[in-house]
Amino acid sequence: METREDRKAAAAMPDVDEATAALLRGLAEKYETREFLAADPSRFMHEVEGDENREAAAFIASALSFGARSQFMPRISLVVHDWAHGRVDDWIRRGKFAANLARDGERCFYRFFTEGDFRAFLDEYRSLMDEWGSLGAFLRRRAAQSRCGFGGAEAVAAICARFGEGSCGVVPRDASSACKRVCMFLRWMVRAPSPVDLGLWKDFIDPASLVMPLDTHVVAQSLRLDLMRSKASSFAAARRLSATLAKAFPGDPLKADFALFGLGVDPSSKAAAKAPRPCRAGAQRALQQSHAS
């Protein structure tokens, strides 16, 4: 039965006119290419061999993908290449990270995470591997046990519930925040075919159910195109945006991630992105000019 909250949420979801949809589709085609990998954390899962290493490298890369790329990209490279030597699954499964990270290490590892924090995250990851074999196997079992359907939102909740308490905040404790990094990781694991995303879990999670990784770039561009009506960066807001984007990309709403995020960080678009928010037609003209430059 539809609740008052459901009706309010539906009313808050903007329509996507054909001009906006066409603009988004064109931008997605521009940015969803192999070239996108060069400066994106998704590159690391393509730099290792074997699906088990790709899955593990992707999860670690997503967990560290916040702040400035100039800071987190070297941290990810340190783990994936210098410490694990590309064999990320084995490095975690056999606890080899103990040689790199002290259990109670107080030195800063990245931003507000200490070495001990990141070690706790890896200990939790190893424990999951011991119990389930892999993160993918864990979620696949959850999907098989679900009686109410299992999609992107349920996968986010399952990952947060499994890692949240034991990972010292490296993984969010619950889905009350936007859970941007977990949503991004799921995009990598589910969407296919794609020159960027791996699609390793497409057999049990529908790409249509994925939730948009919500960050400041995505919010800014979504507001400019009237795809969002609030600056709130919550999981509920991310789900509403995903439903709106599905109108432009039926069955694959997160294809829009390439358009919104890519345009937001493209140097040629920064002047338009910083300008006062115009009407929808004005926003489209500004973005189309930026896209053409």
C-alpha atoms as a PDB file:
ATOM      1  CA  MET A   1       0.000   0.000   0.000  1.00  0.00           C
ATOM      2  CA  GLU A   2       1.336   3.417  -0.966  1.00  0.00           C
ATOM      3  CA  THR A   3       2.242   5.546   2.047  1.00  0.00           C
ATOM      4  CA  ARG A   4       2.353   9.306   2.450  1.00  0.00           C
ATOM      5  CA  GLU A   5       6.163   9.091   2.380  1.00  0.00           C
ATOM      6  CA  ASP A   6       5.992   7.180  -0.922  1.00  0.00           C
ATOM      7  CA  ARG A   7       3.762   9.855  -2.439  1.00  0.00           C
ATOM      8  CA  LYS A   8       6.074  12.627  -1.214  1.00  0.00           C
ATOM      9  CA  ALA A   9       9.100  10.852  -2.653  1.00  0.00           C
ATOM     10  CA  ALA A  10       7.359  10.361  -5.989  1.00  0.00           C
ATOM     11  CA  ALA A  11       6.398  14.031  -6.093  1.00  0.00           C
ATOM     12  CA  ALA A  12      10.022  14.978  -5.417  1.00  0.00           C
ATOM     13  CA  MET A  13      11.262  13.019  -8.438  1.00  0.00           C
ATOM     14  CA  PRO A  14      11.691  15.375 -11.412  1.00  0.00           C
ATOM     15  CA  ASP A  15      10.761  14.384 -14.938  1.00  0.00           C
ATOM     16  CA  VAL A  16      13.476  14.087 -17.584  1.00  0.00           C
ATOM     17  CA  ASP A  17      12.521  15.777 -20.832  1.00  0.00           C
ATOM     18  CA  GLU A  18      13.829  14.429 -24.116  1.00  0.00           C
ATOM     19  CA  ALA A  19      16.391  17.215 -24.575  1.00  0.00           C
ATOM     20  CA  THR A  20      17.938  16.475 -21.185  1.00  0.00           C
ATOM     21  CA  ALA A  21      17.833  12.724 -21.831  1.00  0.00           C
ATOM     22  CA  ALA A  22      19.572  13.190 -25.181  1.00  0.00           C
ATOM     23  CA  LEU A  23      22.219  15.379 -23.578  1.00  0.00           C
ATOM     24  CA  LEU A  24      22.896  12.779 -20.884  1.00  0.00           C
ATOM     25  CA  ARG A  25      23.107   9.940 -23.387  1.00  0.00           C
ATOM     26  CA  GLY A  26      25.593  11.855 -25.496  1.00  0.00           C
ATOM     27  CA  LEU A  27      27.779  12.666 -22.501  1.00  0.00           C
ATOM     28  CA  ALA A  28      27.678   9.055 -21.298  1.00  0.00           C
ATOM     29  CA  GLU A  29      28.922   7.878 -24.679  1.00  0.00           C
ATOM     30  CA  LYS A  30      31.724  10.424 -24.489  1.00  0.00           C
ATOM     31  CA  TYR A  31      32.981   9.384 -21.049  1.00  0.00           C
ATOM     32  CA  GLU A  32      32.334   5.633 -20.822  1.00  0.00           C
ATOM     33  CA  THR A  33      35.504   4.673 -22.661  1.00  0.00           C
ATOM     34  CA  ARG A  34      38.799   2.948 -21.911  1.00  0.00           C
ATOM     35  CA  GLU A  35      40.359   6.398 -21.630  1.00  0.00           C
ATOM     36  CA  PHE A  36      38.191   7.049 -18.552  1.00  0.00           C
ATOM     37  CA  LEU A  37      40.273   4.494 -16.643  1.00  0.00           C
ATOM     38  CA  ALA A  38      43.529   6.454 -16.723  1.00  0.00           C
ATOM     39  CA  ALA A  39      42.606   8.868 -13.922  1.00  0.00           C
ATOM     40  CA  ASP A  40      39.903   6.801 -12.216  1.00  0.00           C
ATOM     41  CA  PRO A  41      40.282   4.330  -9.308  1.00  0.00           C
ATOM     42  CA  SER A  42      38.544   1.687 -11.440  1.00  0.00           C
ATOM     43  CA  ARG A  43      41.829   1.351 -13.333  1.00  0.00           C
ATOM     44  CA  PHE A  44      43.329  -0.808 -10.582  1.00  0.00           C
ATOM     45  CA  MET A  45      40.876  -3.680 -11.074  1.00  0.00           C
ATOM     46  CA  HIS A  46      41.964  -3.755 -14.730  1.00  0.00           C
ATOM     47  CA  GLU A  47      45.644  -3.894 -13.790  1.00  0.00           C
ATOM     48  CA  VAL A  48      45.435  -7.313 -12.098  1.00  0.00           C
ATOM     49  CA  GLU A  49      44.692 -10.744 -13.538  1.00  0.00           C
ATOM     50  CA  GLY A  50      41.906 -13.133 -12.563  1.00  0.00           C
ATOM     51  CA  ASP A  51      38.373 -12.362 -11.433  1.00  0.00           C
ATOM     52  CA  GLU A  52      39.210 -13.049  -7.783  1.00  0.00           C
ATOM     53  CA  ASN A  53      41.982 -10.423  -7.848  1.00  0.00           C
ATOM     54  CA  ARG A  54      39.825  -7.977  -9.775  1.00  0.00           C
ATOM     55  CA  GLU A  55      37.044  -8.255  -7.199  1.00  0.00           C
ATOM     56  CA  ALA A  56      39.427  -7.775  -4.266  1.00  0.00           C
ATOM     57  CA  ALA A  57      41.320  -4.922  -5.938  1.00  0.00           C
ATOM     58  CA  ALA A  58      38.034  -3.193  -6.746  1.00  0.00           C
ATOM     59  CA  PHE A  59      36.774  -3.429  -3.178  1.00  0.00           C
ATOM     60  CA  ILE A  60      39.995  -1.994  -1.757  1.00  0.00           C
ATOM     61  CA  ALA A  61      40.140   0.733  -4.410  1.00  0.00           C
ATOM     62  CA  SER A  62      36.560   1.777  -3.744  1.00  0.00           C
ATOM     63  CA  ALA A  63      37.110   1.827   0.026  1.00  0.00           C
ATOM     64  CA  LEU A  64      39.974   4.316  -0.354  1.00  0.00           C
ATOM     65  CA  SER A  65      38.369   6.478  -3.048  1.00  0.00           C
ATOM     66  CA  PHE A  66      37.559   9.663  -1.181  1.00  0.00           C
ATOM     67  CA  GLY A  67      39.306  12.995  -0.938  1.00  0.00           C
ATOM     68  CA  ALA A  68      41.706  14.158  -3.627  1.00  0.00           C
ATOM     69  CA  ARG A  69      42.677  11.715  -6.363  1.00  0.00           C
ATOM     70  CA  SER A  70      46.256  12.920  -6.092  1.00  0.00           C
ATOM     71  CA  GLN A  71      46.222  11.503  -2.563  1.00  0.00           C
ATOM     72  CA  PHE A  72      44.139   8.334  -2.734  1.00  0.00           C
ATOM     73  CA  MET A  73      45.409   6.967  -6.067  1.00  0.00           C
ATOM     74  CA  PRO A  74      48.966   6.464  -4.692  1.00  0.00           C
ATOM     75  CA  ARG A  75      47.518   4.779  -1.583  1.00  0.00           C
ATOM     76  CA  ILE A  76      45.566   2.305  -3.709  1.00  0.00           C
ATOM     77  CA  SER A  77      48.621   1.651  -5.859  1.00  0.00           C
ATOM     78  CA  LEU A  78      50.680   0.999  -2.727  1.00  0.00           C
ATOM     79  CA  VAL A  79      48.270  -1.725  -1.630  1.00  0.00           C
ATOM     80  CA  VAL A  80      47.479  -3.333  -4.978  1.00  0.00           C
ATOM     81  CA  HIS A  81      50.918  -3.222  -6.576  1.00  0.00           C
ATOM     82  CA  ASP A  82      53.637  -2.630  -3.984  1.00  0.00           C
ATOM     83  CA  TRP A  83      52.239  -4.778  -1.193  1.00  0.00           C
ATOM     84  CA  ALA A  84      50.025  -7.356  -2.914  1.00  0.00           C
ATOM     85  CA  HIS A  85      52.001  -7.417  -6.198  1.00  0.00           C
ATOM     86  CA  GLY A  86      48.718  -7.781  -8.073  1.00  0.00           C
ATOM     87  CA  ARG A  87      47.719 -10.965  -6.219  1.00  0.00           C
ATOM     88  CA  VAL A  88      45.256  -9.100  -4.026  1.00  0.00           C
ATOM     89  CA  ASP A  89      42.963 -12.015  -3.240  1.00  0.00           C
ATOM     90  CA  ASP A  90      45.817 -14.210  -1.999  1.00  0.00           C
ATOM     91  CA  TRP A  91      47.382 -11.300  -0.072  1.00  0.00           C
ATOM     92  CA  ILE A  92      44.157 -10.885   1.884  1.00  0.00           C
ATOM     93  CA  ARG A  93      43.117 -14.548   2.097  1.00  0.00           C
ATOM     94  CA  ARG A  94      46.456 -15.619   3.586  1.00  0.00           C
ATOM     95  CA  GLY A  95      46.788 -12.609   5.865  1.00  0.00           C
ATOM     96  CA  LYS A  96      49.959 -11.359   4.196  1.00  0.00           C
ATOM     97  CA  PHE A  97      48.916  -7.785   4.981  1.00  0.00           C
ATOM     98  CA  ALA A  98      50.124  -8.407   8.542  1.00  0.00           C
ATOM     99  CA  ALA A  99      53.635  -7.778   7.242  1.00  0.00           C
ATOM    100  CA  ASN A 100      52.591  -4.307   6.060  1.00  0.00           C
ATOM    101  CA  LEU A 101      50.171  -3.099   8.724  1.00  0.00           C
ATOM    102  CA  ALA A 102      50.385  -3.357  12.507  1.00  0.00           C
ATOM    103  CA  ARG A 103      47.145  -4.437  14.176  1.00  0.00           C
ATOM    104  CA  ASP A 104      47.214  -1.448  16.524  1.00  0.00           C
ATOM    105  CA  GLY A 105      49.229   0.844  14.280  1.00  0.00           C
ATOM    106  CA  GLU A 106      48.606   4.476  15.123  1.00  0.00           C
ATOM    107  CA  ARG A 107      50.396   6.029  12.156  1.00  0.00           C
ATOM    108  CA  CYS A 108      48.166   7.634   9.555  1.00  0.00           C
ATOM    109  CA  PHE A 109      47.472   5.364   6.609  1.00  0.00           C
ATOM    110  CA  TYR A 110      45.120   7.640   4.670  1.00  0.00           C
ATOM    111  CA  ARG A 111      43.276  10.737   5.833  1.00  0.00           C
ATOM    112  CA  PHE A 112      41.631   9.929   9.161  1.00  0.00           C
ATOM    113  CA  PHE A 113      42.283   6.169   8.939  1.00  0.00           C
ATOM    114  CA  THR A 114      45.263   4.813  10.864  1.00  0.00           C
ATOM    115  CA  GLU A 115      47.235   1.742   9.870  1.00  0.00           C
ATOM    116  CA  GLY A 116      45.327  -0.100  12.586  1.00  0.00           C
ATOM    117  CA  ASP A 117      41.994   0.977  11.075  1.00  0.00           C
ATOM    118  CA  PHE A 118      42.915  -0.314   7.646  1.00  0.00           C
ATOM    119  CA  ARG A 119      44.303  -3.503   9.171  1.00  0.00           C
ATOM    120  CA  ALA A 120      40.942  -4.034  10.930  1.00  0.00           C
ATOM    121  CA  PHE A 121      39.157  -3.633   7.582  1.00  0.00           C
ATOM    122  CA  LEU A 122      41.439  -6.226   5.980  1.00  0.00           C
ATOM    123  CA  ASP A 123      41.015  -8.576   8.959  1.00  0.00           C
ATOM    124  CA  GLU A 124      37.249  -8.338   8.458  1.00  0.00           C
ATOM    125  CA  TYR A 125      37.631  -8.957   4.727  1.00  0.00           C
ATOM    126  CA  ARG A 126      39.783 -12.012   5.402  1.00  0.00           C
ATOM    127  CA  SER A 127      37.197 -13.309   7.868  1.00  0.00           C
ATOM    128  CA  LEU A 128      34.502 -13.016   5.198  1.00  0.00           C
ATOM    129  CA  MET A 129      36.705 -14.903   2.724  1.00  0.00           C
ATOM    130  CA  ASP A 130      37.271 -17.670   5.269  1.00  0.00           C
ATOM    131  CA  GLU A 131      33.529 -17.996   5.822  1.00  0.00           C
ATOM    132  CA  TRP A 132      32.117 -17.461   2.338  1.00  0.00           C
ATOM    133  CA  GLY A 133      34.985 -17.757  -0.131  1.00  0.00           C
ATOM    134  CA  SER A 134      34.586 -14.261  -1.553  1.00  0.00           C
ATOM    135  CA  LEU A 135      32.504 -11.122  -1.221  1.00  0.00           C
ATOM    136  CA  GLY A 136      30.667 -12.079  -4.396  1.00  0.00           C
ATOM    137  CA  ALA A 137      29.790 -15.505  -2.969  1.00  0.00           C
ATOM    138  CA  PHE A 138      28.549 -13.853   0.231  1.00  0.00           C
ATOM    139  CA  LEU A 139      26.194 -11.552  -1.679  1.00  0.00           C
ATOM    140  CA  ARG A 140      25.102 -14.292  -4.063  1.00  0.00           C
ATOM    141  CA  ARG A 141      23.989 -16.364  -1.074  1.00  0.00           C
ATOM    142  CA  ARG A 142      22.142 -13.367   0.380  1.00  0.00           C
ATOM    143  CA  ALA A 143      20.379 -12.912  -2.953  1.00  0.00           C
ATOM    144  CA  ALA A 144      19.379 -16.578  -3.043  1.00  0.00           C
ATOM    145  CA  GLN A 145      17.969 -16.362   0.487  1.00  0.00           C
ATOM    146  CA  SER A 146      16.010 -13.162  -0.117  1.00  0.00           C
ATOM    147  CA  ARG A 147      12.238 -13.470  -0.344  1.00  0.00           C
ATOM    148  CA  CYS A 148      11.636  -9.830  -1.259  1.00  0.00           C
ATOM    149  CA  GLY A 149      14.100  -9.387  -4.099  1.00  0.00           C
ATOM    150  CA  PHE A 150      17.780  -8.515  -3.964  1.00  0.00           C
ATOM    151  CA  GLY A 151      19.086  -5.511  -5.835  1.00  0.00           C
ATOM    152  CA  GLY A 152      21.558  -2.688  -5.469  1.00  0.00           C
ATOM    153  CA  ALA A 153      20.053  -1.229  -2.284  1.00  0.00           C
ATOM    154  CA  GLU A 154      19.957  -4.628  -0.602  1.00  0.00           C
ATOM    155  CA  ALA A 155      23.564  -5.307  -1.607  1.00  0.00           C
ATOM    156  CA  VAL A 156      24.670  -1.968  -0.106  1.00  0.00           C
ATOM    157  CA  ALA A 157      22.861  -2.805   3.133  1.00  0.00           C
ATOM    158  CA  ALA A 158      24.394  -6.294   3.265  1.00  0.00           C
ATOM    159  CA  ILE A 159      27.952  -5.005   2.736  1.00  0.00           C
ATOM    160  CA  CYS A 160      27.535  -2.284   5.358  1.00  0.00           C
ATOM    161  CA  ALA A 161      26.028  -4.713   7.870  1.00  0.00           C
ATOM    162  CA  ARG A 162      28.838  -7.231   7.347  1.00  0.00           C
ATOM    163  CA  PHE A 163      31.744  -4.775   7.466  1.00  0.00           C
ATOM    164  CA  GLY A 164      30.458  -1.718   9.274  1.00  0.00           C
ATOM    165  CA  GLU A 165      31.150  -2.567  12.894  1.00  0.00           C
ATOM    166  CA  GLY A 166      34.453  -4.332  12.355  1.00  0.00           C
ATOM    167  CA  SER A 167      36.073  -2.154   9.709  1.00  0.00           C
ATOM    168  CA  CYS A 168      36.675   0.990  11.823  1.00  0.00           C
ATOM    169  CA  GLY A 169      34.600   3.098   9.458  1.00  0.00           C
ATOM    170  CA  VAL A 170      36.419   2.106   6.255  1.00  0.00           C
ATOM    171  CA  VAL A 171      33.013   0.754   5.192  1.00  0.00           C
ATOM    172  CA  PRO A 172      29.929   2.706   6.381  1.00  0.00           C
ATOM    173  CA  ARG A 173      28.139   1.144   9.334  1.00  0.00           C
ATOM    174  CA  ASP A 174      24.740   1.396   7.652  1.00  0.00           C
ATOM    175  CA  ALA A 175      22.964   2.878   4.658  1.00  0.00           C
ATOM    176  CA  SER A 176      21.905   6.103   6.351  1.00  0.00           C
ATOM    177  CA  SER A 177      24.618   8.025   4.466  1.00  0.00           C
ATOM    178  CA  ALA A 178      24.903   8.108   0.668  1.00  0.00           C
ATOM    179  CA  CYS A 179      27.334   5.133   0.779  1.00  0.00           C
ATOM    180  CA  LYS A 180      28.975   6.536  -2.341  1.00  0.00           C
ATOM    181  CA  ARG A 181      31.998   4.233  -2.305  1.00  0.00           C
ATOM    182  CA  VAL A 182      29.932   1.072  -1.847  1.00  0.00           C
ATOM    183  CA  CYS A 183      27.542   2.146  -4.624  1.00  0.00           C
ATOM    184  CA  MET A 184      30.505   2.817  -6.915  1.00  0.00           C
ATOM    185  CA  PHE A 185      31.965  -0.611  -6.142  1.00  0.00           C
ATOM    186  CA  LEU A 186      28.649  -2.250  -7.026  1.00  0.00           C
ATOM    187  CA  ARG A 187      28.534  -0.345 -10.304  1.00  0.00           C
ATOM    188  CA  TRP A 188      31.931  -1.781 -11.145  1.00  0.00           C
ATOM    189  CA  MET A 189      30.846  -5.311 -10.228  1.00  0.00           C
ATOM    190  CA  VAL A 190      27.436  -5.366 -11.912  1.00  0.00           C
ATOM    191  CA  ARG A 191      27.284  -3.264 -15.082  1.00  0.00           C
ATOM    192  CA  ALA A 192      28.139  -4.963 -18.376  1.00  0.00           C
ATOM    193  CA  PRO A 193      29.092  -4.731 -21.125  1.00  0.00           C
ATOM    194  CA  SER A 194      31.324  -1.781 -20.395  1.00  0.00           C
ATOM    195  CA  PRO A 195      34.925  -0.784 -21.106  1.00  0.00           C
ATOM    196  CA  VAL A 196      35.117   0.372 -17.471  1.00  0.00           C
ATOM    197  CA  ASP A 197      32.835  -1.786 -15.318  1.00  0.00           C
ATOM    198  CA  LEU A 198      33.520  -5.513 -14.894  1.00  0.00           C
ATOM    199  CA  GLY A 199      30.047  -7.034 -14.672  1.00  0.00           C
ATOM    200  CA  LEU A 200      31.202  -9.976 -12.530  1.00  0.00           C
ATOM    201  CA  TRP A 201      27.930 -10.012 -10.554  1.00  0.00           C
ATOM    202  CA  LYS A 202      25.470  -9.293 -13.331  1.00  0.00           C
ATOM    203  CA  ASP A 203      23.997 -12.786 -12.977  1.00  0.00           C
ATOM    204  CA  PHE A 204      22.397 -12.057  -9.590  1.00  0.00           C
ATOM    205  CA  ILE A 205      22.088  -8.258  -9.332  1.00  0.00           C
ATOM    206  CA  ASP A 206      20.064  -6.350 -11.922  1.00  0.00           C
ATOM    207  CA  PRO A 207      21.860  -3.222 -13.215  1.00  0.00           C
ATOM    208  CA  ALA A 208      18.469  -1.492 -13.182  1.00  0.00           C
ATOM    209  CA  SER A 209      18.469  -1.747  -9.372  1.00  0.00           C
ATOM    210  CA  LEU A 210      21.846  -0.068  -8.791  1.00  0.00           C
ATOM    211  CA  VAL A 211      22.039   3.129  -6.747  1.00  0.00           C
ATOM    212  CA  MET A 212      23.888   6.185  -8.009  1.00  0.00           C
ATOM    213  CA  PRO A 213      27.229   6.916  -6.277  1.00  0.00           C
ATOM    214  CA  LEU A 214      26.379  10.353  -4.957  1.00  0.00           C
ATOM    215  CA  ASP A 215      29.229  12.864  -4.576  1.00  0.00           C
ATOM    216  CA  THR A 216      29.573  16.629  -4.866  1.00  0.00           C
ATOM    217  CA  HIS A 217      30.170  16.521  -8.641  1.00  0.00           C
ATOM    218  CA  VAL A 218      27.083  14.394  -9.286  1.00  0.00           C
ATOM    219  CA  VAL A 219      24.928  16.564  -7.021  1.00  0.00           C
ATOM    220  CA  ALA A 220      26.131  19.800  -8.663  1.00  0.00           C
ATOM    221  CA  GLN A 221      25.430  18.642 -12.212  1.00  0.00           C
ATOM    222  CA  SER A 222      22.113  17.017 -11.221  1.00  0.00           C
ATOM    223  CA  LEU A 223      20.926  20.287  -9.677  1.00  0.00           C
ATOM    224  CA  ARG A 224      21.911  22.214 -12.795  1.00  0.00           C
ATOM    225  CA  LEU A 225      19.798  19.888 -14.940  1.00  0.00           C
ATOM    226  CA  ASP A 226      16.902  19.810 -12.454  1.00  0.00           C
ATOM    227  CA  LEU A 227      17.448  16.101 -11.891  1.00  0.00           C
ATOM    228  CA  MET A 228      17.508  16.755  -8.137  1.00  0.00           C
ATOM    229  CA  ARG A 229      15.629  19.293  -6.057  1.00  0.00           C
ATOM    230  CA  SER A 230      17.774  19.198  -2.951  1.00  0.00           C
ATOM    231  CA  LYS A 231      21.469  19.219  -2.105  1.00  0.00           C
ATOM    232  CA  ALA A 232      20.939  16.409   0.408  1.00  0.00           C
ATOM    233  CA  SER A 233      23.465  13.592  -0.037  1.00  0.00           C
ATOM    234  CA  SER A 234      21.603  10.736   1.600  1.00  0.00           C
ATOM    235  CA  PHE A 235      20.985   7.192   0.450  1.00  0.00           C
ATOM    236  CA  ALA A 236      17.330   8.063  -0.090  1.00  0.00           C
ATOM    237  CA  ALA A 237      18.382  10.979  -2.315  1.00  0.00           C
ATOM    238  CA  ALA A 238      20.709   8.673  -4.262  1.00  0.00           C
ATOM    239  CA  ARG A 239      17.869   6.216  -4.830  1.00  0.00           C
ATOM    240  CA  ARG A 240      15.545   8.989  -6.019  1.00  0.00           C
ATOM    241  CA  LEU A 241      18.181  10.274  -8.442  1.00  0.00           C
ATOM    242  CA  SER A 242      18.706   6.727  -9.750  1.00  0.00           C
ATOM    243  CA  ALA A 243      14.953   6.403 -10.400  1.00  0.00           C
ATOM    244  CA  THR A 244      14.973   9.728 -12.234  1.00  0.00           C
ATOM    245  CA  LEU A 245      17.965   8.752 -14.369  1.00  0.00           C
ATOM    246  CA  ALA A 246      16.272   5.479 -15.287  1.00  0.00           C
ATOM    247  CA  LYS A 247      13.925   7.607 -17.392  1.00  0.00           C
ATOM    248  CA  ALA A 248      16.890   8.516 -19.595  1.00  0.00           C
ATOM    249  CA  PHE A 249      18.637   5.138 -19.291  1.00  0.00           C
ATOM    250  CA  PRO A 250      15.956   2.451 -18.891  1.00  0.00           C
ATOM    251  CA  GLY A 251      17.433  -0.647 -17.317  1.00  0.00           C
ATOM    252  CA  ASP A 252      20.820   0.993 -16.772  1.00  0.00           C
ATOM    253  CA  PRO A 253      20.479   4.220 -14.754  1.00  0.00           C
ATOM    254  CA  LEU A 254      24.128   4.273 -13.641  1.00  0.00           C
ATOM    255  CA  LYS A 255      25.325   4.787 -17.185  1.00  0.00           C
ATOM    256  CA  ALA A 256      24.522   8.406 -16.325  1.00  0.00           C
ATOM    257  CA  ASP A 257      27.322   8.327 -13.750  1.00  0.00           C
ATOM    258  CA  PHE A 258      29.826   8.790 -16.556  1.00  0.00           C
ATOM    259  CA  ALA A 259      27.982  11.820 -17.899  1.00  0.00           C
ATOM    260  CA  LEU A 260      27.423  13.576 -14.576  1.00  0.00           C
ATOM    261  CA  PHE A 261      30.737  12.839 -12.917  1.00  0.00           C
ATOM    262  CA  GLY A 262      32.852  13.173 -16.064  1.00  0.00           C
ATOM    263  CA  LEU A 263      31.334  16.523 -16.959  1.00  0.00           C
ATOM    264  CA  GLY A 264      31.725  17.746 -13.393  1.00  0.00           C
ATOM    265  CA  VAL A 265      35.483  17.204 -13.358  1.00  0.00           C
ATOM    266  CA  ASP A 266      36.227  18.077 -16.988  1.00  0.00           C
ATOM    267  CA  PRO A 267      38.364  21.265 -16.981  1.00  0.00           C
ATOM    268  CA  SER A 268      36.460  22.639 -19.965  1.00  0.00           C
ATOM    269  CA  SER A 269      33.205  22.564 -18.006  1.00  0.00           C
ATOM    270  CA  LYS A 270      34.316  24.148 -14.728  1.00  0.00           C
ATOM    271  CA  ALA A 271      33.329  27.665 -15.687  1.00  0.00           C
ATOM    272  CA  ALA A 272      29.817  26.497 -16.489  1.00  0.00           C
ATOM    273  CA  ALA A 273      29.664  24.350 -13.354  1.00  0.00           C
ATOM    274  CA  LYS A 274      30.558  27.301 -11.119  1.00  0.00           C
ATOM    275  CA  ALA A 275      28.079  29.672 -12.723  1.00  0.00           C
ATOM    276  CA  PRO A 276      24.793  30.505 -10.952  1.00  0.00           C
ATOM    277  CA  ARG A 277      22.195  27.853 -11.590  1.00  0.00           C
ATOM    278  CA  PRO A 278      20.164  28.865 -14.665  1.00  0.00           C
ATOM    279  CA  CYS A 279      16.810  27.576 -15.853  1.00  0.00           C
ATOM    280  CA  ARG A 280      16.773  24.106 -17.377  1.00  0.00           C
ATOM    281  CA  ALA A 281      17.124  25.387 -20.940  1.00  0.00           C
ATOM    282  CA  GLY A 282      20.020  27.606 -19.906  1.00  0.00           C
ATOM    283  CA  ALA A 283      21.713  24.736 -18.117  1.00  0.00           C
ATOM    284  CA  GLN A 284      21.407  22.580 -21.204  1.00  0.00           C
ATOM    285  CA  ARG A 285      22.919  25.277 -23.417  1.00  0.00           C
ATOM    286  CA  ALA A 286      25.840  25.782 -21.036  1.00  0.00           C
ATOM    287  CA  LEU A 287      26.506  22.090 -20.784  1.00  0.00           C
ATOM    288  CA  GLN A 288      26.154  21.508 -24.506  1.00  0.00           C
ATOM    289  CA  GLN A 289      28.692  24.283 -25.181  1.00  0.00           C
ATOM    290  CA  SER A 290      31.045  22.731 -22.648  1.00  0.00           C
ATOM    291  CA  HIS A 291      30.555  19.276 -24.181  1.00  0.00           C
ATOM    292  CA  ALA A 292      31.394  20.624 -27.621  1.00  0.00           C
ATOM    293  CA  SER A 293      34.595  22.373 -26.490  1.00  0.00           C
END
